[in-house]
Amino acid sequence: MDHATVMRWVAGYERAWRGGDLDAVAGLFTEDARYRRSPYHEPDVGHAGIRAIWLVDEGQPFTMTAEPVACAIAGTGRQKSGLAASTARREMAGIFSAA
């Protein structure tokens, strides 16, 4: 997965979030996705779980920044890709991980 592909996904995510587009969830996430609204919430699982919380913040203003990152998984010889994203409203970083 390259930088441009990740940033296209981010743009789609932001459009869907800002637009309250519940149908976009299936195109953004796999059916077994685990979505954490914050490090302190239990994950919402699958399309139904994500759709259930997708509109919680509807209409609230926010700014979003994102930058793809990759790191080695110690001792495995494998890499883990992800996305460091933050929203100004919450002032906390979120991590989207892609295996």
N, C-alpha and C. Protein backbone atom coordinates (compact mmCIF):
# COMPACT_ATOMS: atom_id res chain seq x y z
N MET A 1 0.85 -1.17 0.00
CA MET A 1 0.00 0.00 0.00
C MET A 1 0.90 1.24 0.00
N ASP A 2 0.69 2.14 -0.96
CA ASP A 2 1.54 3.32 -1.03
C ASP A 2 0.84 4.55 -0.43
N HIS A 3 1.59 5.63 -0.33
CA HIS A 3 1.11 6.86 0.29
C HIS A 3 -0.17 7.37 -0.39
N ALA A 4 -0.19 7.40 -1.72
CA ALA A 4 -1.35 7.91 -2.45
C ALA A 4 -2.60 7.08 -2.17
N THR A 5 -2.45 5.76 -2.10
CA THR A 5 -3.59 4.88 -1.82
C THR A 5 -4.14 5.14 -0.42
N VAL A 6 -3.25 5.28 0.54
CA VAL A 6 -3.68 5.56 1.92
C VAL A 6 -4.40 6.90 1.99
N MET A 7 -3.86 7.91 1.34
CA MET A 7 -4.46 9.23 1.41
C MET A 7 -5.81 9.28 0.68
N ARG A 8 -6.00 8.45 -0.37
CA ARG A 8 -7.33 8.35 -1.00
C ARG A 8 -8.33 7.75 -0.02
N TRP A 9 -7.89 6.74 0.74
CA TRP A 9 -8.77 6.14 1.75
C TRP A 9 -9.13 7.19 2.80
N VAL A 10 -8.14 7.96 3.24
CA VAL A 10 -8.39 9.00 4.24
C VAL A 10 -9.40 10.02 3.71
N ALA A 11 -9.26 10.43 2.47
CA ALA A 11 -10.19 11.39 1.88
C ALA A 11 -11.60 10.81 1.84
N GLY A 12 -11.72 9.53 1.49
CA GLY A 12 -13.03 8.88 1.49
C GLY A 12 -13.62 8.79 2.88
N TYR A 13 -12.77 8.47 3.86
CA TYR A 13 -13.21 8.41 5.25
C TYR A 13 -13.73 9.77 5.70
N GLU A 14 -12.97 10.82 5.41
CA GLU A 14 -13.39 12.15 5.84
C GLU A 14 -14.70 12.56 5.16
N ARG A 15 -14.84 12.30 3.86
CA ARG A 15 -16.09 12.61 3.15
C ARG A 15 -17.27 11.88 3.78
N ALA A 16 -17.07 10.59 4.06
CA ALA A 16 -18.14 9.79 4.65
C ALA A 16 -18.50 10.29 6.05
N TRP A 17 -17.49 10.63 6.84
CA TRP A 17 -17.72 11.10 8.20
C TRP A 17 -18.44 12.43 8.18
N ARG A 18 -17.93 13.38 7.39
CA ARG A 18 -18.55 14.70 7.31
C ARG A 18 -19.97 14.63 6.73
N GLY A 19 -20.17 13.71 5.80
CA GLY A 19 -21.47 13.60 5.14
C GLY A 19 -22.45 12.68 5.85
N GLY A 20 -22.02 12.04 6.93
CA GLY A 20 -22.90 11.11 7.64
C GLY A 20 -23.34 9.94 6.76
N ASP A 21 -22.44 9.49 5.90
CA ASP A 21 -22.74 8.46 4.90
C ASP A 21 -22.56 7.06 5.48
N LEU A 22 -23.65 6.49 5.98
CA LEU A 22 -23.60 5.15 6.56
C LEU A 22 -23.28 4.08 5.54
N ASP A 23 -23.69 4.28 4.29
CA ASP A 23 -23.42 3.29 3.25
C ASP A 23 -21.94 3.20 2.92
N ALA A 24 -21.19 4.26 3.17
CA ALA A 24 -19.76 4.27 2.87
C ALA A 24 -18.97 3.36 3.81
N VAL A 25 -19.53 3.03 4.96
CA VAL A 25 -18.82 2.20 5.94
C VAL A 25 -18.35 0.88 5.33
N ALA A 26 -19.20 0.24 4.54
CA ALA A 26 -18.84 -1.05 3.94
C ALA A 26 -17.68 -0.92 2.96
N GLY A 27 -17.55 0.22 2.31
CA GLY A 27 -16.46 0.44 1.39
C GLY A 27 -15.16 0.83 2.07
N LEU A 28 -15.26 1.33 3.28
CA LEU A 28 -14.07 1.78 4.01
C LEU A 28 -13.47 0.71 4.91
N PHE A 29 -14.32 -0.16 5.45
CA PHE A 29 -13.88 -1.13 6.45
C PHE A 29 -14.28 -2.55 6.06
N THR A 30 -13.49 -3.52 6.47
CA THR A 30 -13.86 -4.92 6.27
C THR A 30 -14.96 -5.28 7.26
N GLU A 31 -15.66 -6.37 6.99
CA GLU A 31 -16.75 -6.78 7.88
C GLU A 31 -16.24 -7.12 9.28
N ASP A 32 -14.99 -7.51 9.41
CA ASP A 32 -14.46 -7.84 10.74
C ASP A 32 -13.64 -6.70 11.36
N ALA A 33 -13.77 -5.49 10.80
CA ALA A 33 -13.00 -4.35 11.32
C ALA A 33 -13.34 -4.08 12.79
N ARG A 34 -12.35 -3.61 13.52
CA ARG A 34 -12.52 -3.21 14.92
C ARG A 34 -12.20 -1.73 14.99
N TYR A 35 -13.20 -0.89 15.26
CA TYR A 35 -13.08 0.57 15.23
C TYR A 35 -13.13 1.10 16.65
N ARG A 36 -12.07 1.77 17.05
CA ARG A 36 -12.03 2.37 18.40
C ARG A 36 -12.19 3.88 18.27
N ARG A 37 -13.20 4.42 18.90
CA ARG A 37 -13.41 5.87 18.87
C ARG A 37 -12.34 6.59 19.68
N SER A 38 -11.77 5.92 20.61
CA SER A 38 -10.65 6.45 21.39
C SER A 38 -9.96 5.26 22.04
N PRO A 39 -8.78 5.47 22.59
CA PRO A 39 -8.10 4.36 23.26
C PRO A 39 -8.86 3.85 24.49
N TYR A 40 -9.84 4.63 24.95
CA TYR A 40 -10.56 4.29 26.17
C TYR A 40 -11.90 3.60 25.92
N HIS A 41 -12.31 3.49 24.66
CA HIS A 41 -13.56 2.81 24.31
C HIS A 41 -13.27 1.38 23.87
N GLU A 42 -14.20 0.51 24.13
CA GLU A 42 -14.14 -0.83 23.56
C GLU A 42 -14.38 -0.68 22.06
N PRO A 43 -13.84 -1.58 21.25
CA PRO A 43 -14.03 -1.42 19.80
C PRO A 43 -15.47 -1.71 19.36
N ASP A 44 -15.89 -0.98 18.35
CA ASP A 44 -17.13 -1.28 17.66
C ASP A 44 -16.73 -2.21 16.53
N VAL A 45 -17.41 -3.35 16.38
CA VAL A 45 -16.95 -4.41 15.49
C VAL A 45 -17.88 -4.57 14.29
N GLY A 46 -17.27 -4.69 13.12
CA GLY A 46 -18.01 -4.96 11.89
C GLY A 46 -18.80 -3.77 11.39
N HIS A 47 -19.37 -3.95 10.21
CA HIS A 47 -20.13 -2.86 9.60
C HIS A 47 -21.27 -2.38 10.48
N ALA A 48 -22.01 -3.30 11.07
CA ALA A 48 -23.15 -2.91 11.92
C ALA A 48 -22.68 -2.11 13.13
N GLY A 49 -21.61 -2.56 13.76
CA GLY A 49 -21.09 -1.86 14.93
C GLY A 49 -20.58 -0.47 14.60
N ILE A 50 -19.90 -0.35 13.47
CA ILE A 50 -19.37 0.95 13.07
C ILE A 50 -20.50 1.88 12.65
N ARG A 51 -21.47 1.36 11.90
CA ARG A 51 -22.62 2.19 11.51
C ARG A 51 -23.37 2.71 12.74
N ALA A 52 -23.42 1.91 13.78
CA ALA A 52 -24.16 2.30 14.98
C ALA A 52 -23.58 3.54 15.64
N ILE A 53 -22.29 3.79 15.48
CA ILE A 53 -21.67 4.95 16.13
C ILE A 53 -21.26 6.03 15.13
N TRP A 54 -21.42 5.76 13.85
CA TRP A 54 -20.91 6.66 12.80
C TRP A 54 -21.48 8.08 12.91
N LEU A 55 -22.72 8.22 13.35
CA LEU A 55 -23.37 9.53 13.39
C LEU A 55 -23.35 10.19 14.77
N VAL A 56 -22.63 9.60 15.71
CA VAL A 56 -22.60 10.13 17.08
C VAL A 56 -22.20 11.60 17.11
N ASP A 57 -21.21 11.99 16.31
CA ASP A 57 -20.71 13.36 16.32
C ASP A 57 -21.24 14.18 15.15
N GLU A 58 -22.29 13.72 14.50
CA GLU A 58 -22.79 14.40 13.30
C GLU A 58 -23.06 15.88 13.58
N GLY A 59 -22.60 16.72 12.66
CA GLY A 59 -22.83 18.15 12.76
C GLY A 59 -21.82 18.90 13.60
N GLN A 60 -20.94 18.19 14.29
CA GLN A 60 -19.92 18.84 15.11
C GLN A 60 -18.75 19.26 14.23
N PRO A 61 -18.25 20.48 14.38
CA PRO A 61 -17.11 20.91 13.56
C PRO A 61 -15.83 20.19 13.99
N PHE A 62 -14.97 19.91 13.04
CA PHE A 62 -13.69 19.31 13.35
C PHE A 62 -12.71 19.55 12.21
N THR A 63 -11.45 19.45 12.51
CA THR A 63 -10.41 19.43 11.49
C THR A 63 -9.72 18.09 11.60
N MET A 64 -9.17 17.63 10.50
CA MET A 64 -8.54 16.32 10.49
C MET A 64 -7.23 16.40 9.74
N THR A 65 -6.19 15.80 10.32
CA THR A 65 -4.92 15.66 9.63
C THR A 65 -4.53 14.19 9.69
N ALA A 66 -3.76 13.75 8.71
CA ALA A 66 -3.36 12.35 8.68
C ALA A 66 -2.02 12.22 7.99
N GLU A 67 -1.24 11.25 8.42
CA GLU A 67 0.03 10.94 7.78
C GLU A 67 0.29 9.45 7.91
N PRO A 68 0.46 8.76 6.78
CA PRO A 68 0.77 7.32 6.85
C PRO A 68 2.11 7.07 7.53
N VAL A 69 2.18 5.99 8.28
CA VAL A 69 3.41 5.58 8.96
C VAL A 69 3.57 4.07 8.80
N ALA A 70 4.78 3.61 8.95
CA ALA A 70 5.05 2.17 8.95
C ALA A 70 6.11 1.91 9.99
N CYS A 71 6.06 0.74 10.62
CA CYS A 71 7.06 0.40 11.61
C CYS A 71 7.32 -1.10 11.56
N ALA A 72 8.48 -1.48 11.99
CA ALA A 72 8.83 -2.90 12.06
C ALA A 72 8.24 -3.50 13.32
N ILE A 73 7.80 -4.74 13.25
CA ILE A 73 7.32 -5.46 14.43
C ILE A 73 8.51 -6.22 14.98
N ALA A 74 8.94 -5.83 16.14
CA ALA A 74 10.18 -6.36 16.73
C ALA A 74 10.22 -7.89 16.72
N GLY A 75 11.32 -8.41 16.23
CA GLY A 75 11.56 -9.84 16.28
C GLY A 75 10.82 -10.67 15.25
N THR A 76 10.04 -10.04 14.37
CA THR A 76 9.25 -10.82 13.42
C THR A 76 9.72 -10.68 11.98
N GLY A 77 10.48 -9.63 11.68
CA GLY A 77 10.87 -9.38 10.31
C GLY A 77 9.72 -8.84 9.47
N ARG A 78 8.60 -8.51 10.10
CA ARG A 78 7.43 -8.00 9.39
C ARG A 78 7.25 -6.51 9.66
N GLN A 79 6.50 -5.87 8.80
CA GLN A 79 6.16 -4.48 9.01
C GLN A 79 4.67 -4.34 9.27
N LYS A 80 4.31 -3.35 10.02
CA LYS A 80 2.91 -3.02 10.27
C LYS A 80 2.69 -1.63 9.69
N SER A 81 1.67 -1.50 8.86
CA SER A 81 1.33 -0.20 8.28
C SER A 81 0.22 0.41 9.11
N GLY A 82 0.15 1.69 9.07
CA GLY A 82 -0.93 2.34 9.79
C GLY A 82 -1.07 3.78 9.38
N LEU A 83 -1.93 4.47 10.08
CA LEU A 83 -2.22 5.85 9.78
C LEU A 83 -2.36 6.59 11.09
N ALA A 84 -1.54 7.59 11.27
CA ALA A 84 -1.68 8.45 12.44
C ALA A 84 -2.62 9.57 12.05
N ALA A 85 -3.73 9.67 12.70
CA ALA A 85 -4.72 10.70 12.37
C ALA A 85 -5.14 11.41 13.64
N SER A 86 -5.47 12.67 13.50
CA SER A 86 -5.95 13.39 14.67
C SER A 86 -7.06 14.34 14.26
N THR A 87 -7.90 14.64 15.21
CA THR A 87 -8.94 15.64 15.00
C THR A 87 -8.77 16.72 16.06
N ALA A 88 -8.89 17.94 15.65
CA ALA A 88 -8.68 19.06 16.57
C ALA A 88 -9.72 19.10 17.67
N ARG A 89 -10.94 18.68 17.37
CA ARG A 89 -12.01 18.73 18.36
C ARG A 89 -11.67 17.90 19.59
N ARG A 90 -11.09 16.72 19.36
CA ARG A 90 -10.81 15.82 20.47
C ARG A 90 -9.41 16.00 21.03
N GLU A 91 -8.53 16.59 20.25
CA GLU A 91 -7.15 16.78 20.65
C GLU A 91 -6.50 15.50 21.12
N MET A 92 -6.74 14.43 20.39
CA MET A 92 -6.11 13.15 20.71
C MET A 92 -5.85 12.43 19.40
N ALA A 93 -4.76 11.74 19.33
CA ALA A 93 -4.40 11.02 18.11
C ALA A 93 -5.16 9.72 18.01
N GLY A 94 -5.50 9.36 16.80
CA GLY A 94 -6.11 8.06 16.53
C GLY A 94 -5.20 7.28 15.62
N ILE A 95 -5.23 5.99 15.72
CA ILE A 95 -4.40 5.16 14.88
C ILE A 95 -5.28 4.19 14.11
N PHE A 96 -5.15 4.17 12.80
CA PHE A 96 -5.82 3.20 11.97
C PHE A 96 -4.75 2.23 11.53
N SER A 97 -4.94 0.99 11.78
CA SER A 97 -3.94 -0.02 11.47
C SER A 97 -4.40 -0.88 10.32
N ALA A 98 -3.50 -1.12 9.39
CA ALA A 98 -3.80 -1.98 8.25
C ALA A 98 -2.78 -3.12 8.25
N ALA A 99 -3.26 -4.35 8.39
CA ALA A 99 -2.35 -5.48 8.43
C ALA A 99 -1.93 -5.86 7.04
